[in-house]
Amino acid sequence: MTNIKQKKENVKMHLKDLRQNLKKMHLEVTEELILPNPSDVKDLMKKMDKLLKLIESK
């Protein structure tokens, strides 16, 4: 697999993971009225930063 294709697959994987985590948090907030744990939010922010660095490294 070429380097570009591999990066594209990595980005897709990270986006799917982020999306799933955000959906879970959204359901907890809207349906269960539970605020997310601050450490979970920080972890998601770190993952988003990692994804951004991956995208910018083209």
PDB file of N, CA and C in Angstrom:
ATOM      1  N   MET A   1       0.852  -1.182   0.000  1.00  0.00           N
ATOM      2  CA  MET A   1       0.000   0.000   0.000  1.00  0.00           C
ATOM      3  C   MET A   1       0.891   1.236   0.000  1.00  0.00           C
ATOM      4  N   THR A   2       0.522   2.221  -0.789  1.00  0.00           N
ATOM      5  CA  THR A   2       1.341   3.427  -0.860  1.00  0.00           C
ATOM      6  C   THR A   2       1.205   4.249   0.416  1.00  0.00           C
ATOM      7  N   ASN A   3       2.139   5.137   0.593  1.00  0.00           N
ATOM      8  CA  ASN A   3       2.163   5.986   1.775  1.00  0.00           C
ATOM      9  C   ASN A   3       0.901   6.846   1.868  1.00  0.00           C
ATOM     10  N   ILE A   4       0.456   7.374   0.753  1.00  0.00           N
ATOM     11  CA  ILE A   4      -0.742   8.220   0.748  1.00  0.00           C
ATOM     12  C   ILE A   4      -1.968   7.409   1.122  1.00  0.00           C
ATOM     13  N   LYS A   5      -2.070   6.216   0.570  1.00  0.00           N
ATOM     14  CA  LYS A   5      -3.221   5.361   0.900  1.00  0.00           C
ATOM     15  C   LYS A   5      -3.204   4.975   2.370  1.00  0.00           C
ATOM     16  N   GLN A   6      -2.029   4.704   2.879  1.00  0.00           N
ATOM     17  CA  GLN A   6      -1.916   4.338   4.294  1.00  0.00           C
ATOM     18  C   GLN A   6      -2.340   5.505   5.188  1.00  0.00           C
ATOM     19  N   LYS A   7      -1.904   6.706   4.856  1.00  0.00           N
ATOM     20  CA  LYS A   7      -2.309   7.887   5.637  1.00  0.00           C
ATOM     21  C   LYS A   7      -3.807   8.087   5.568  1.00  0.00           C
ATOM     22  N   LYS A   8      -4.368   7.880   4.393  1.00  0.00           N
ATOM     23  CA  LYS A   8      -5.811   8.030   4.229  1.00  0.00           C
ATOM     24  C   LYS A   8      -6.567   7.020   5.103  1.00  0.00           C
ATOM     25  N   GLU A   9      -6.090   5.794   5.135  1.00  0.00           N
ATOM     26  CA  GLU A   9      -6.715   4.768   5.975  1.00  0.00           C
ATOM     27  C   GLU A   9      -6.564   5.109   7.458  1.00  0.00           C
ATOM     28  N   ASN A  10      -5.403   5.636   7.832  1.00  0.00           N
ATOM     29  CA  ASN A  10      -5.202   6.051   9.227  1.00  0.00           C
ATOM     30  C   ASN A  10      -6.153   7.170   9.616  1.00  0.00           C
ATOM     31  N   VAL A  11      -6.333   8.125   8.738  1.00  0.00           N
ATOM     32  CA  VAL A  11      -7.252   9.232   9.006  1.00  0.00           C
ATOM     33  C   VAL A  11      -8.673   8.701   9.156  1.00  0.00           C
ATOM     34  N   LYS A  12      -9.076   7.815   8.276  1.00  0.00           N
ATOM     35  CA  LYS A  12     -10.419   7.224   8.365  1.00  0.00           C
ATOM     36  C   LYS A  12     -10.612   6.514   9.700  1.00  0.00           C
ATOM     37  N   MET A  13      -9.605   5.751  10.098  1.00  0.00           N
ATOM     38  CA  MET A  13      -9.688   5.013  11.349  1.00  0.00           C
ATOM     39  C   MET A  13      -9.832   5.964  12.532  1.00  0.00           C
ATOM     40  N   HIS A  14      -9.022   7.022  12.545  1.00  0.00           N
ATOM     41  CA  HIS A  14      -9.093   8.000  13.631  1.00  0.00           C
ATOM     42  C   HIS A  14     -10.445   8.719  13.640  1.00  0.00           C
ATOM     43  N   LEU A  15     -10.929   9.071  12.475  1.00  0.00           N
ATOM     44  CA  LEU A  15     -12.226   9.755  12.397  1.00  0.00           C
ATOM     45  C   LEU A  15     -13.364   8.869  12.900  1.00  0.00           C
ATOM     46  N   LYS A  16     -13.340   7.613  12.536  1.00  0.00           N
ATOM     47  CA  LYS A  16     -14.374   6.685  13.010  1.00  0.00           C
ATOM     48  C   LYS A  16     -14.338   6.567  14.524  1.00  0.00           C
ATOM     49  N   ASP A  17     -13.145   6.462  15.071  1.00  0.00           N
ATOM     50  CA  ASP A  17     -12.995   6.352  16.516  1.00  0.00           C
ATOM     51  C   ASP A  17     -13.498   7.615  17.219  1.00  0.00           C
ATOM     52  N   LEU A  18     -13.097   8.768  16.719  1.00  0.00           N
ATOM     53  CA  LEU A  18     -13.552  10.037  17.299  1.00  0.00           C
ATOM     54  C   LEU A  18     -15.068  10.176  17.212  1.00  0.00           C
ATOM     55  N   ARG A  19     -15.600   9.843  16.071  1.00  0.00           N
ATOM     56  CA  ARG A  19     -17.050   9.949  15.863  1.00  0.00           C
ATOM     57  C   ARG A  19     -17.801   9.068  16.857  1.00  0.00           C
ATOM     58  N   GLN A  20     -17.335   7.865  17.047  1.00  0.00           N
ATOM     59  CA  GLN A  20     -17.990   6.952  17.974  1.00  0.00           C
ATOM     60  C   GLN A  20     -17.924   7.476  19.408  1.00  0.00           C
ATOM     61  N   ASN A  21     -16.775   7.970  19.793  1.00  0.00           N
ATOM     62  CA  ASN A  21     -16.636   8.526  21.143  1.00  0.00           C
ATOM     63  C   ASN A  21     -17.518   9.751  21.343  1.00  0.00           C
ATOM     64  N   LEU A  22     -17.582  10.604  20.343  1.00  0.00           N
ATOM     65  CA  LEU A  22     -18.415  11.802  20.452  1.00  0.00           C
ATOM     66  C   LEU A  22     -19.902  11.452  20.487  1.00  0.00           C
ATOM     67  N   LYS A  23     -20.299  10.462  19.707  1.00  0.00           N
ATOM     68  CA  LYS A  23     -21.699  10.025  19.734  1.00  0.00           C
ATOM     69  C   LYS A  23     -22.076   9.498  21.110  1.00  0.00           C
ATOM     70  N   LYS A  24     -21.171   8.734  21.706  1.00  0.00           N
ATOM     71  CA  LYS A  24     -21.422   8.196  23.049  1.00  0.00           C
ATOM     72  C   LYS A  24     -21.576   9.327  24.055  1.00  0.00           C
ATOM     73  N   MET A  25     -20.671  10.300  23.998  1.00  0.00           N
ATOM     74  CA  MET A  25     -20.762  11.445  24.912  1.00  0.00           C
ATOM     75  C   MET A  25     -22.054  12.222  24.687  1.00  0.00           C
ATOM     76  N   HIS A  26     -22.409  12.408  23.446  1.00  0.00           N
ATOM     77  CA  HIS A  26     -23.633  13.145  23.124  1.00  0.00           C
ATOM     78  C   HIS A  26     -24.857  12.447  23.711  1.00  0.00           C
ATOM     79  N   LEU A  27     -24.932  11.140  23.557  1.00  0.00           N
ATOM     80  CA  LEU A  27     -26.063  10.396  24.120  1.00  0.00           C
ATOM     81  C   LEU A  27     -26.099  10.502  25.638  1.00  0.00           C
ATOM     82  N   GLU A  28     -24.941  10.425  26.260  1.00  0.00           N
ATOM     83  CA  GLU A  28     -24.900  10.553  27.715  1.00  0.00           C
ATOM     84  C   GLU A  28     -25.392  11.919  28.169  1.00  0.00           C
ATOM     85  N   VAL A  29     -25.022  12.943  27.448  1.00  0.00           N
ATOM     86  CA  VAL A  29     -25.425  14.301  27.830  1.00  0.00           C
ATOM     87  C   VAL A  29     -26.909  14.526  27.559  1.00  0.00           C
ATOM     88  N   THR A  30     -27.374  14.140  26.375  1.00  0.00           N
ATOM     89  CA  THR A  30     -28.744  14.454  25.993  1.00  0.00           C
ATOM     90  C   THR A  30     -29.785  13.513  26.582  1.00  0.00           C
ATOM     91  N   GLU A  31     -29.473  12.226  26.682  1.00  0.00           N
ATOM     92  CA  GLU A  31     -30.475  11.274  27.144  1.00  0.00           C
ATOM     93  C   GLU A  31     -30.348  10.931  28.624  1.00  0.00           C
ATOM     94  N   GLU A  32     -29.149  10.814  29.093  1.00  0.00           N
ATOM     95  CA  GLU A  32     -28.941  10.415  30.480  1.00  0.00           C
ATOM     96  C   GLU A  32     -28.610  11.598  31.381  1.00  0.00           C
ATOM     97  N   LEU A  33     -28.434  12.764  30.780  1.00  0.00           N
ATOM     98  CA  LEU A  33     -28.109  13.991  31.511  1.00  0.00           C
ATOM     99  C   LEU A  33     -26.848  13.835  32.365  1.00  0.00           C
ATOM    100  N   ILE A  34     -25.872  13.144  31.790  1.00  0.00           N
ATOM    101  CA  ILE A  34     -24.595  12.925  32.460  1.00  0.00           C
ATOM    102  C   ILE A  34     -23.529  13.711  31.708  1.00  0.00           C
ATOM    103  N   LEU A  35     -22.820  14.553  32.432  1.00  0.00           N
ATOM    104  CA  LEU A  35     -21.714  15.284  31.816  1.00  0.00           C
ATOM    105  C   LEU A  35     -20.516  14.352  31.655  1.00  0.00           C
ATOM    106  N   PRO A  36     -19.781  14.511  30.574  1.00  0.00           N
ATOM    107  CA  PRO A  36     -18.623  13.640  30.367  1.00  0.00           C
ATOM    108  C   PRO A  36     -17.522  13.898  31.388  1.00  0.00           C
ATOM    109  N   ASN A  37     -16.786  12.886  31.640  1.00  0.00           N
ATOM    110  CA  ASN A  37     -15.651  12.983  32.533  1.00  0.00           C
ATOM    111  C   ASN A  37     -14.602  13.889  31.873  1.00  0.00           C
ATOM    112  N   PRO A  38     -14.075  14.861  32.599  1.00  0.00           N
ATOM    113  CA  PRO A  38     -13.075  15.762  31.997  1.00  0.00           C
ATOM    114  C   PRO A  38     -11.889  15.025  31.369  1.00  0.00           C
ATOM    115  N   SER A  39     -11.475  13.925  31.966  1.00  0.00           N
ATOM    116  CA  SER A  39     -10.352  13.181  31.392  1.00  0.00           C
ATOM    117  C   SER A  39     -10.728  12.561  30.042  1.00  0.00           C
ATOM    118  N   ASP A  40     -11.998  12.173  29.884  1.00  0.00           N
ATOM    119  CA  ASP A  40     -12.456  11.644  28.596  1.00  0.00           C
ATOM    120  C   ASP A  40     -12.433  12.731  27.523  1.00  0.00           C
ATOM    121  N   VAL A  41     -12.820  13.931  27.914  1.00  0.00           N
ATOM    122  CA  VAL A  41     -12.793  15.053  26.973  1.00  0.00           C
ATOM    123  C   VAL A  41     -11.347  15.362  26.583  1.00  0.00           C
ATOM    124  N   LYS A  42     -10.453  15.354  27.544  1.00  0.00           N
ATOM    125  CA  LYS A  42      -9.032  15.604  27.263  1.00  0.00           C
ATOM    126  C   LYS A  42      -8.468  14.537  26.333  1.00  0.00           C
ATOM    127  N   ASP A  43      -8.850  13.288  26.562  1.00  0.00           N
ATOM    128  CA  ASP A  43      -8.387  12.202  25.688  1.00  0.00           C
ATOM    129  C   ASP A  43      -8.859  12.413  24.256  1.00  0.00           C
ATOM    130  N   LEU A  44     -10.107  12.818  24.103  1.00  0.00           N
ATOM    131  CA  LEU A  44     -10.622  13.086  22.759  1.00  0.00           C
ATOM    132  C   LEU A  44      -9.893  14.251  22.108  1.00  0.00           C
ATOM    133  N   MET A  45      -9.589  15.261  22.883  1.00  0.00           N
ATOM    134  CA  MET A  45      -8.842  16.398  22.340  1.00  0.00           C
ATOM    135  C   MET A  45      -7.452  15.965  21.882  1.00  0.00           C
ATOM    136  N   LYS A  46      -6.815  15.096  22.643  1.00  0.00           N
ATOM    137  CA  LYS A  46      -5.496  14.579  22.263  1.00  0.00           C
ATOM    138  C   LYS A  46      -5.589  13.783  20.962  1.00  0.00           C
ATOM    139  N   LYS A  47      -6.642  12.978  20.853  1.00  0.00           N
ATOM    140  CA  LYS A  47      -6.837  12.201  19.628  1.00  0.00           C
ATOM    141  C   LYS A  47      -7.068  13.122  18.432  1.00  0.00           C
ATOM    142  N   MET A  48      -7.811  14.191  18.642  1.00  0.00           N
ATOM    143  CA  MET A  48      -8.056  15.135  17.559  1.00  0.00           C
ATOM    144  C   MET A  48      -6.758  15.844  17.166  1.00  0.00           C
ATOM    145  N   ASP A  49      -5.940  16.186  18.141  1.00  0.00           N
ATOM    146  CA  ASP A  49      -4.636  16.799  17.849  1.00  0.00           C
ATOM    147  C   ASP A  49      -3.751  15.841  17.059  1.00  0.00           C
ATOM    148  N   LYS A  50      -3.768  14.584  17.452  1.00  0.00           N
ATOM    149  CA  LYS A  50      -2.980  13.572  16.747  1.00  0.00           C
ATOM    150  C   LYS A  50      -3.444  13.443  15.295  1.00  0.00           C
ATOM    151  N   LEU A  51      -4.742  13.452  15.108  1.00  0.00           N
ATOM    152  CA  LEU A  51      -5.294  13.370  13.754  1.00  0.00           C
ATOM    153  C   LEU A  51      -4.895  14.590  12.939  1.00  0.00           C
ATOM    154  N   LEU A  52      -4.970  15.744  13.528  1.00  0.00           N
ATOM    155  CA  LEU A  52      -4.592  16.968  12.825  1.00  0.00           C
ATOM    156  C   LEU A  52      -3.127  16.919  12.410  1.00  0.00           C
ATOM    157  N   LYS A  53      -2.259  16.456  13.288  1.00  0.00           N
ATOM    158  CA  LYS A  53      -0.828  16.329  12.944  1.00  0.00           C
ATOM    159  C   LYS A  53      -0.634  15.335  11.808  1.00  0.00           C
ATOM    160  N   LEU A  54      -1.392  14.263  11.822  1.00  0.00           N
ATOM    161  CA  LEU A  54      -1.299  13.270  10.766  1.00  0.00           C
ATOM    162  C   LEU A  54      -1.717  13.876   9.422  1.00  0.00           C
ATOM    163  N   ILE A  55      -2.778  14.642   9.444  1.00  0.00           N
ATOM    164  CA  ILE A  55      -3.270  15.276   8.209  1.00  0.00           C
ATOM    165  C   ILE A  55      -2.278  16.320   7.714  1.00  0.00           C
ATOM    166  N   GLU A  56      -1.715  17.087   8.620  1.00  0.00           N
ATOM    167  CA  GLU A  56      -0.779  18.153   8.237  1.00  0.00           C
ATOM    168  C   GLU A  56       0.568  17.616   7.772  1.00  0.00           C
ATOM    169  N   SER A  57       0.859  16.371   8.048  1.00  0.00           N
ATOM    170  CA  SER A  57       2.170  15.818   7.699  1.00  0.00           C
ATOM    171  C   SER A  57       2.264  15.363   6.235  1.00  0.00           C
ATOM    172  N   LYS A  58       1.287  15.693   5.449  1.00  0.00           N
ATOM    173  CA  LYS A  58       1.265  15.278   4.032  1.00  0.00           C
ATOM    174  C   LYS A  58       2.496  15.699   3.305  1.00  0.00           C
TER     175      LYS A  58
END
